[in-house]
Amino acid sequence: MNHSPASPNMVFEPDAIAESVSQVKYGERQIAEGQLITFPNPRLGRRYDVSITLPEFTCKCPFSGYPDFATIHITYVPDQRVVELKALKLYINSYRDRYVSHEESINQILDDFVAAADPLEIRVKGDFNPRGNVHTVVEVHHQKDH
């Protein structure tokens, strides 16, 4: 039994730590099982904007494997359905281990959002943190045909 000098009351069992590290955590399981969930628009017939900011987006560069970080901005005008925010958070977190370009990630987010909610209009912007002296912003837009 090892006692941590920083926390004399905590006991670390090496086998328990190894087992805990190897198990899939509940958050990882929720992310893996996550999908965009929608619910009926509570204000059908009223045109309004929903703006969402997701400041902790991560994915991996498909060429180097280095992590990329971005703030995702989604603004949409709902039609029949609205996206549930916790489901959106889990969906966005699913990108953290994907090897995907900036351009593809933002386009895929748009495609998946449109497939789930079919909004009247949507704009998705990925503002990626600079890496190697390069700052990238990718913005895509979709408007429903009337």
N, C-alpha and C. Protein backbone atom coordinates (compact mmCIF):
# COMPACT_ATOMS: atom_id res chain seq x y z
N MET A 1 0.84 -1.17 0.00
CA MET A 1 0.00 0.00 0.00
C MET A 1 0.88 1.24 0.00
N ASN A 2 0.60 2.17 -0.93
CA ASN A 2 1.36 3.42 -1.02
C ASN A 2 0.49 4.57 -0.56
N HIS A 3 1.05 5.43 0.26
CA HIS A 3 0.34 6.62 0.70
C HIS A 3 0.96 7.81 -0.01
N SER A 4 0.11 8.65 -0.59
CA SER A 4 0.59 9.84 -1.28
C SER A 4 0.97 10.89 -0.25
N PRO A 5 2.15 11.49 -0.37
CA PRO A 5 2.52 12.53 0.59
C PRO A 5 1.62 13.76 0.50
N ALA A 6 1.05 14.03 -0.68
CA ALA A 6 0.18 15.19 -0.83
C ALA A 6 -1.17 14.98 -0.15
N SER A 7 -1.62 13.74 -0.09
CA SER A 7 -2.91 13.41 0.52
C SER A 7 -2.72 12.20 1.42
N PRO A 8 -2.35 12.38 2.67
CA PRO A 8 -2.04 11.26 3.55
C PRO A 8 -3.22 10.32 3.79
N ASN A 9 -4.44 10.77 3.54
CA ASN A 9 -5.60 9.91 3.77
C ASN A 9 -5.97 9.07 2.55
N MET A 10 -5.37 9.37 1.40
CA MET A 10 -5.69 8.62 0.18
C MET A 10 -4.78 7.42 0.06
N VAL A 11 -5.37 6.28 -0.27
CA VAL A 11 -4.63 5.05 -0.44
C VAL A 11 -4.70 4.65 -1.91
N PHE A 12 -3.54 4.37 -2.51
CA PHE A 12 -3.49 3.98 -3.91
C PHE A 12 -3.11 2.51 -4.01
N GLU A 13 -3.99 1.73 -4.59
CA GLU A 13 -3.72 0.33 -4.85
C GLU A 13 -3.36 0.20 -6.32
N PRO A 14 -2.14 -0.22 -6.66
CA PRO A 14 -1.72 -0.29 -8.07
C PRO A 14 -2.66 -1.10 -8.95
N ASP A 15 -3.16 -2.23 -8.47
CA ASP A 15 -4.06 -3.05 -9.29
C ASP A 15 -5.38 -2.32 -9.54
N ALA A 16 -5.90 -1.62 -8.54
CA ALA A 16 -7.16 -0.89 -8.70
C ALA A 16 -6.98 0.27 -9.67
N ILE A 17 -5.84 0.94 -9.62
CA ILE A 17 -5.58 2.04 -10.55
C ILE A 17 -5.47 1.50 -11.97
N ALA A 18 -4.74 0.43 -12.18
CA ALA A 18 -4.60 -0.16 -13.52
C ALA A 18 -5.95 -0.60 -14.07
N GLU A 19 -6.79 -1.19 -13.23
CA GLU A 19 -8.11 -1.63 -13.67
C GLU A 19 -8.98 -0.43 -14.02
N SER A 20 -8.91 0.62 -13.21
CA SER A 20 -9.69 1.82 -13.47
C SER A 20 -9.28 2.49 -14.77
N VAL A 21 -7.98 2.53 -15.05
CA VAL A 21 -7.48 3.16 -16.27
C VAL A 21 -7.91 2.38 -17.50
N SER A 22 -7.99 1.06 -17.40
CA SER A 22 -8.32 0.23 -18.56
C SER A 22 -9.82 0.17 -18.84
N GLN A 23 -10.65 0.56 -17.89
CA GLN A 23 -12.10 0.51 -18.09
C GLN A 23 -12.58 1.75 -18.85
N VAL A 24 -13.61 1.55 -19.66
CA VAL A 24 -14.21 2.67 -20.35
C VAL A 24 -15.01 3.47 -19.33
N LYS A 25 -14.76 4.75 -19.26
CA LYS A 25 -15.43 5.63 -18.32
C LYS A 25 -16.83 5.96 -18.82
N TYR A 26 -17.73 6.34 -17.91
CA TYR A 26 -19.11 6.61 -18.31
C TYR A 26 -19.19 7.75 -19.32
N GLY A 27 -18.36 8.76 -19.19
CA GLY A 27 -18.37 9.87 -20.15
C GLY A 27 -17.92 9.42 -21.54
N GLU A 28 -16.90 8.57 -21.58
CA GLU A 28 -16.43 8.04 -22.86
C GLU A 28 -17.52 7.19 -23.51
N ARG A 29 -18.24 6.43 -22.70
CA ARG A 29 -19.32 5.59 -23.22
C ARG A 29 -20.45 6.47 -23.77
N GLN A 30 -20.81 7.53 -23.06
CA GLN A 30 -21.85 8.44 -23.52
C GLN A 30 -21.45 9.10 -24.83
N ILE A 31 -20.18 9.50 -24.93
CA ILE A 31 -19.70 10.12 -26.17
C ILE A 31 -19.76 9.12 -27.32
N ALA A 32 -19.31 7.90 -27.09
CA ALA A 32 -19.31 6.87 -28.14
C ALA A 32 -20.72 6.54 -28.60
N GLU A 33 -21.67 6.56 -27.68
CA GLU A 33 -23.05 6.22 -28.00
C GLU A 33 -23.86 7.43 -28.45
N GLY A 34 -23.25 8.60 -28.33
CA GLY A 34 -23.98 9.84 -28.58
C GLY A 34 -24.41 10.03 -30.02
N GLN A 35 -25.54 10.68 -30.17
CA GLN A 35 -26.03 11.07 -31.47
C GLN A 35 -26.82 12.35 -31.29
N LEU A 36 -27.00 13.09 -32.37
CA LEU A 36 -27.76 14.32 -32.28
C LEU A 36 -29.24 13.98 -32.07
N ILE A 37 -29.78 14.48 -30.99
CA ILE A 37 -31.17 14.24 -30.62
C ILE A 37 -31.92 15.56 -30.81
N THR A 38 -33.13 15.48 -31.33
CA THR A 38 -33.93 16.68 -31.52
C THR A 38 -35.26 16.56 -30.79
N PHE A 39 -35.92 17.68 -30.66
CA PHE A 39 -37.26 17.70 -30.09
C PHE A 39 -38.08 18.72 -30.88
N PRO A 40 -39.41 18.66 -30.77
CA PRO A 40 -40.25 19.57 -31.56
C PRO A 40 -39.97 21.04 -31.23
N ASN A 41 -39.95 21.85 -32.27
CA ASN A 41 -39.77 23.29 -32.12
C ASN A 41 -40.95 23.84 -31.31
N PRO A 42 -40.70 24.48 -30.17
CA PRO A 42 -41.80 24.97 -29.35
C PRO A 42 -42.49 26.21 -29.93
N ARG A 43 -41.91 26.82 -30.96
CA ARG A 43 -42.48 28.04 -31.56
C ARG A 43 -42.57 27.90 -33.08
N LEU A 44 -43.30 26.88 -33.51
CA LEU A 44 -43.51 26.70 -34.95
C LEU A 44 -44.10 27.97 -35.56
N GLY A 45 -43.60 28.30 -36.74
CA GLY A 45 -44.11 29.48 -37.43
C GLY A 45 -43.40 30.77 -37.07
N ARG A 46 -42.65 30.78 -35.98
CA ARG A 46 -41.88 31.97 -35.63
C ARG A 46 -40.44 31.76 -36.07
N ARG A 47 -39.92 32.70 -36.80
CA ARG A 47 -38.53 32.63 -37.24
C ARG A 47 -37.64 33.23 -36.15
N TYR A 48 -36.71 32.43 -35.64
CA TYR A 48 -35.78 32.91 -34.62
C TYR A 48 -34.45 32.20 -34.77
N ASP A 49 -33.40 32.84 -34.29
CA ASP A 49 -32.05 32.29 -34.36
C ASP A 49 -31.70 31.61 -33.05
N VAL A 50 -30.99 30.49 -33.16
CA VAL A 50 -30.39 29.83 -32.01
C VAL A 50 -28.89 29.88 -32.24
N SER A 51 -28.17 30.49 -31.31
CA SER A 51 -26.71 30.59 -31.42
C SER A 51 -26.07 29.78 -30.31
N ILE A 52 -25.14 28.92 -30.70
CA ILE A 52 -24.47 28.03 -29.76
C ILE A 52 -22.97 28.19 -29.95
N THR A 53 -22.23 28.30 -28.85
CA THR A 53 -20.78 28.36 -28.90
C THR A 53 -20.23 27.16 -28.14
N LEU A 54 -19.32 26.45 -28.78
CA LEU A 54 -18.68 25.27 -28.19
C LEU A 54 -17.17 25.54 -28.18
N PRO A 55 -16.63 26.04 -27.05
CA PRO A 55 -15.25 26.52 -27.02
C PRO A 55 -14.18 25.46 -26.81
N GLU A 56 -14.55 24.19 -26.68
CA GLU A 56 -13.55 23.17 -26.36
C GLU A 56 -13.47 22.07 -27.42
N PHE A 57 -13.70 22.41 -28.68
CA PHE A 57 -13.63 21.42 -29.75
C PHE A 57 -12.19 20.98 -29.95
N THR A 58 -11.99 19.67 -30.08
CA THR A 58 -10.68 19.13 -30.42
C THR A 58 -10.84 18.02 -31.45
N CYS A 59 -9.84 17.89 -32.28
CA CYS A 59 -9.72 16.78 -33.21
C CYS A 59 -8.22 16.59 -33.44
N LYS A 60 -7.86 15.64 -34.29
CA LYS A 60 -6.45 15.40 -34.56
C LYS A 60 -6.15 15.65 -36.03
N CYS A 61 -5.01 16.25 -36.28
CA CYS A 61 -4.57 16.49 -37.65
C CYS A 61 -4.38 15.14 -38.34
N PRO A 62 -4.98 14.95 -39.53
CA PRO A 62 -4.85 13.67 -40.22
C PRO A 62 -3.45 13.41 -40.77
N PHE A 63 -2.60 14.43 -40.80
CA PHE A 63 -1.26 14.28 -41.34
C PHE A 63 -0.21 14.09 -40.24
N SER A 64 -0.29 14.90 -39.18
CA SER A 64 0.72 14.83 -38.13
C SER A 64 0.25 14.07 -36.89
N GLY A 65 -1.06 14.02 -36.69
CA GLY A 65 -1.59 13.43 -35.46
C GLY A 65 -1.62 14.41 -34.30
N TYR A 66 -1.11 15.63 -34.52
CA TYR A 66 -1.14 16.64 -33.47
C TYR A 66 -2.58 17.06 -33.19
N PRO A 67 -2.87 17.43 -31.96
CA PRO A 67 -4.23 17.88 -31.66
C PRO A 67 -4.49 19.27 -32.23
N ASP A 68 -5.71 19.48 -32.68
CA ASP A 68 -6.17 20.79 -33.11
C ASP A 68 -7.28 21.22 -32.17
N PHE A 69 -7.33 22.49 -31.87
CA PHE A 69 -8.31 23.04 -30.94
C PHE A 69 -9.07 24.16 -31.63
N ALA A 70 -10.36 24.25 -31.37
CA ALA A 70 -11.16 25.29 -32.01
C ALA A 70 -12.35 25.66 -31.14
N THR A 71 -12.91 26.80 -31.46
CA THR A 71 -14.21 27.19 -30.95
C THR A 71 -15.18 27.04 -32.11
N ILE A 72 -16.24 26.28 -31.86
CA ILE A 72 -17.27 26.07 -32.88
C ILE A 72 -18.44 27.00 -32.58
N HIS A 73 -18.87 27.73 -33.60
CA HIS A 73 -20.03 28.60 -33.49
C HIS A 73 -21.11 28.05 -34.42
N ILE A 74 -22.27 27.77 -33.88
CA ILE A 74 -23.40 27.29 -34.68
C ILE A 74 -24.54 28.28 -34.49
N THR A 75 -25.07 28.77 -35.60
CA THR A 75 -26.25 29.61 -35.56
C THR A 75 -27.24 29.02 -36.55
N TYR A 76 -28.45 28.72 -36.06
CA TYR A 76 -29.43 28.14 -36.95
C TYR A 76 -30.82 28.69 -36.69
N VAL A 77 -31.66 28.57 -37.72
CA VAL A 77 -33.06 28.93 -37.63
C VAL A 77 -33.83 27.63 -37.69
N PRO A 78 -34.46 27.22 -36.59
CA PRO A 78 -35.17 25.94 -36.57
C PRO A 78 -36.38 25.95 -37.50
N ASP A 79 -36.70 24.76 -37.99
CA ASP A 79 -37.95 24.56 -38.70
C ASP A 79 -38.85 23.73 -37.76
N GLN A 80 -38.98 22.45 -38.01
CA GLN A 80 -39.84 21.58 -37.19
C GLN A 80 -39.15 21.09 -35.92
N ARG A 81 -37.79 21.01 -35.94
CA ARG A 81 -37.05 20.37 -34.85
C ARG A 81 -35.97 21.31 -34.31
N VAL A 82 -35.64 21.11 -33.03
CA VAL A 82 -34.57 21.83 -32.34
C VAL A 82 -33.61 20.78 -31.79
N VAL A 83 -32.31 21.07 -31.81
CA VAL A 83 -31.31 20.12 -31.33
C VAL A 83 -31.15 20.24 -29.82
N GLU A 84 -31.14 19.10 -29.15
CA GLU A 84 -30.95 19.04 -27.69
C GLU A 84 -29.48 19.32 -27.39
N LEU A 85 -29.20 20.21 -26.45
CA LEU A 85 -27.84 20.71 -26.23
C LEU A 85 -26.88 19.68 -25.65
N LYS A 86 -27.33 18.86 -24.71
CA LYS A 86 -26.42 17.85 -24.15
C LYS A 86 -26.00 16.86 -25.24
N ALA A 87 -26.93 16.48 -26.10
CA ALA A 87 -26.61 15.58 -27.20
C ALA A 87 -25.60 16.24 -28.15
N LEU A 88 -25.77 17.54 -28.39
CA LEU A 88 -24.82 18.26 -29.24
C LEU A 88 -23.44 18.27 -28.61
N LYS A 89 -23.38 18.49 -27.31
CA LYS A 89 -22.08 18.49 -26.59
C LYS A 89 -21.39 17.14 -26.75
N LEU A 90 -22.13 16.05 -26.54
CA LEU A 90 -21.53 14.72 -26.67
C LEU A 90 -21.09 14.45 -28.11
N TYR A 91 -21.90 14.87 -29.08
CA TYR A 91 -21.55 14.71 -30.49
C TYR A 91 -20.25 15.45 -30.80
N ILE A 92 -20.14 16.69 -30.36
CA ILE A 92 -18.93 17.49 -30.62
C ILE A 92 -17.72 16.84 -29.95
N ASN A 93 -17.91 16.31 -28.74
CA ASN A 93 -16.80 15.64 -28.05
C ASN A 93 -16.32 14.39 -28.77
N SER A 94 -17.16 13.81 -29.62
CA SER A 94 -16.77 12.59 -30.34
C SER A 94 -15.66 12.86 -31.36
N TYR A 95 -15.39 14.11 -31.66
CA TYR A 95 -14.33 14.45 -32.61
C TYR A 95 -12.93 14.39 -32.00
N ARG A 96 -12.82 14.34 -30.70
CA ARG A 96 -11.52 14.50 -30.04
C ARG A 96 -10.48 13.46 -30.45
N ASP A 97 -10.89 12.26 -30.85
CA ASP A 97 -9.94 11.24 -31.25
C ASP A 97 -9.99 10.96 -32.76
N ARG A 98 -10.69 11.80 -33.51
CA ARG A 98 -10.79 11.61 -34.96
C ARG A 98 -9.64 12.32 -35.66
N TYR A 99 -9.10 11.67 -36.65
CA TYR A 99 -8.11 12.29 -37.53
C TYR A 99 -8.88 12.93 -38.67
N VAL A 100 -9.04 14.25 -38.62
CA VAL A 100 -9.88 14.93 -39.59
C VAL A 100 -9.37 16.36 -39.80
N SER A 101 -9.43 16.82 -41.04
CA SER A 101 -8.98 18.18 -41.34
C SER A 101 -9.97 19.20 -40.79
N HIS A 102 -9.50 20.43 -40.69
CA HIS A 102 -10.37 21.52 -40.25
C HIS A 102 -11.59 21.62 -41.18
N GLU A 103 -11.31 21.58 -42.47
CA GLU A 103 -12.38 21.74 -43.45
C GLU A 103 -13.41 20.62 -43.36
N GLU A 104 -12.93 19.39 -43.27
CA GLU A 104 -13.85 18.25 -43.23
C GLU A 104 -14.66 18.24 -41.93
N SER A 105 -14.03 18.57 -40.80
CA SER A 105 -14.77 18.52 -39.54
C SER A 105 -15.94 19.49 -39.54
N ILE A 106 -15.73 20.70 -40.02
CA ILE A 106 -16.81 21.70 -40.01
C ILE A 106 -17.89 21.33 -41.01
N ASN A 107 -17.50 20.85 -42.18
CA ASN A 107 -18.49 20.40 -43.16
C ASN A 107 -19.30 19.22 -42.65
N GLN A 108 -18.66 18.29 -41.93
CA GLN A 108 -19.36 17.12 -41.40
C GLN A 108 -20.33 17.51 -40.29
N ILE A 109 -19.92 18.46 -39.45
CA ILE A 109 -20.82 18.95 -38.40
C ILE A 109 -22.07 19.54 -39.05
N LEU A 110 -21.88 20.36 -40.09
CA LEU A 110 -23.03 20.92 -40.79
C LEU A 110 -23.92 19.81 -41.36
N ASP A 111 -23.33 18.86 -42.07
CA ASP A 111 -24.11 17.77 -42.68
C ASP A 111 -24.91 16.98 -41.64
N ASP A 112 -24.27 16.65 -40.52
CA ASP A 112 -24.94 15.87 -39.48
C ASP A 112 -26.07 16.67 -38.82
N PHE A 113 -25.83 17.95 -38.61
CA PHE A 113 -26.84 18.82 -38.00
C PHE A 113 -28.05 18.93 -38.92
N VAL A 114 -27.80 19.14 -40.22
CA VAL A 114 -28.89 19.24 -41.19
C VAL A 114 -29.67 17.93 -41.25
N ALA A 115 -28.96 16.80 -41.24
CA ALA A 115 -29.63 15.49 -41.28
C ALA A 115 -30.52 15.28 -40.06
N ALA A 116 -30.08 15.76 -38.90
CA ALA A 116 -30.83 15.54 -37.66
C ALA A 116 -32.00 16.51 -37.49
N ALA A 117 -31.77 17.80 -37.77
CA ALA A 117 -32.76 18.82 -37.41
C ALA A 117 -33.44 19.47 -38.61
N ASP A 118 -32.85 19.37 -39.80
CA ASP A 118 -33.42 19.97 -41.01
C ASP A 118 -33.83 21.43 -40.78
N PRO A 119 -32.87 22.28 -40.34
CA PRO A 119 -33.22 23.68 -40.05
C PRO A 119 -33.51 24.47 -41.33
N LEU A 120 -34.20 25.59 -41.16
CA LEU A 120 -34.44 26.48 -42.29
C LEU A 120 -33.11 27.03 -42.82
N GLU A 121 -32.22 27.32 -41.88
CA GLU A 121 -30.93 27.89 -42.23
C GLU A 121 -29.95 27.56 -41.12
N ILE A 122 -28.68 27.37 -41.49
CA ILE A 122 -27.65 27.10 -40.48
C ILE A 122 -26.30 27.58 -40.98
N ARG A 123 -25.51 28.08 -40.06
CA ARG A 123 -24.13 28.48 -40.33
C ARG A 123 -23.27 27.83 -39.23
N VAL A 124 -22.21 27.15 -39.64
CA VAL A 124 -21.27 26.55 -38.70
C VAL A 124 -19.90 27.14 -38.98
N LYS A 125 -19.28 27.68 -37.94
CA LYS A 125 -17.96 28.28 -38.08
C LYS A 125 -17.01 27.61 -37.09
N GLY A 126 -15.86 27.17 -37.59
CA GLY A 126 -14.80 26.64 -36.75
C GLY A 126 -13.65 27.62 -36.73
N ASP A 127 -13.37 28.20 -35.58
CA ASP A 127 -12.27 29.13 -35.39
C ASP A 127 -11.15 28.38 -34.69
N PHE A 128 -10.18 27.89 -35.47
CA PHE A 128 -9.13 27.03 -34.96
C PHE A 128 -7.99 27.84 -34.36
N ASN A 129 -7.47 27.36 -33.24
CA ASN A 129 -6.33 28.01 -32.61
C ASN A 129 -5.14 27.98 -33.57
N PRO A 130 -4.33 29.04 -33.56
CA PRO A 130 -3.16 29.04 -34.44
C PRO A 130 -2.21 27.89 -34.09
N ARG A 131 -1.64 27.32 -35.14
CA ARG A 131 -0.61 26.30 -34.98
C ARG A 131 0.40 26.52 -36.08
N GLY A 132 1.69 26.62 -35.72
CA GLY A 132 2.72 26.86 -36.71
C GLY A 132 2.54 28.20 -37.41
N ASN A 133 2.07 29.20 -36.68
CA ASN A 133 1.88 30.55 -37.20
C ASN A 133 0.75 30.64 -38.23
N VAL A 134 -0.18 29.66 -38.21
CA VAL A 134 -1.31 29.67 -39.14
C VAL A 134 -2.61 29.62 -38.35
N HIS A 135 -3.47 30.58 -38.62
CA HIS A 135 -4.79 30.65 -37.98
C HIS A 135 -5.82 30.35 -39.05
N THR A 136 -6.68 29.36 -38.80
CA THR A 136 -7.67 28.94 -39.78
C THR A 136 -9.08 29.15 -39.24
N VAL A 137 -9.94 29.70 -40.08
CA VAL A 137 -11.36 29.80 -39.79
C VAL A 137 -12.09 29.17 -40.97
N VAL A 138 -12.92 28.19 -40.68
CA VAL A 138 -13.72 27.53 -41.71
C VAL A 138 -15.18 27.80 -41.40
N GLU A 139 -15.91 28.31 -42.40
CA GLU A 139 -17.32 28.63 -42.19
C GLU A 139 -18.13 28.04 -43.34
N VAL A 140 -19.20 27.33 -42.98
CA VAL A 140 -20.08 26.72 -43.98
C VAL A 140 -21.52 27.12 -43.67
N HIS A 141 -22.33 27.12 -44.70
CA HIS A 141 -23.70 27.59 -44.59
C HIS A 141 -24.62 26.67 -45.37
N HIS A 142 -25.83 26.51 -44.88
CA HIS A 142 -26.86 25.74 -45.57
C HIS A 142 -28.18 26.46 -45.41
N GLN A 143 -28.93 26.52 -46.49
CA GLN A 143 -30.28 27.09 -46.44
C GLN A 143 -31.23 26.13 -47.09
N LYS A 144 -32.33 25.87 -46.42
CA LYS A 144 -33.33 24.95 -46.90
C LYS A 144 -34.01 25.51 -48.15
N ASP A 145 -34.20 24.65 -49.15
CA ASP A 145 -34.92 25.05 -50.35
C ASP A 145 -36.40 25.20 -50.01
N HIS A 146 -36.98 26.27 -50.50
CA HIS A 146 -38.41 26.49 -50.20
C HIS A 146 -39.25 26.08 -51.38
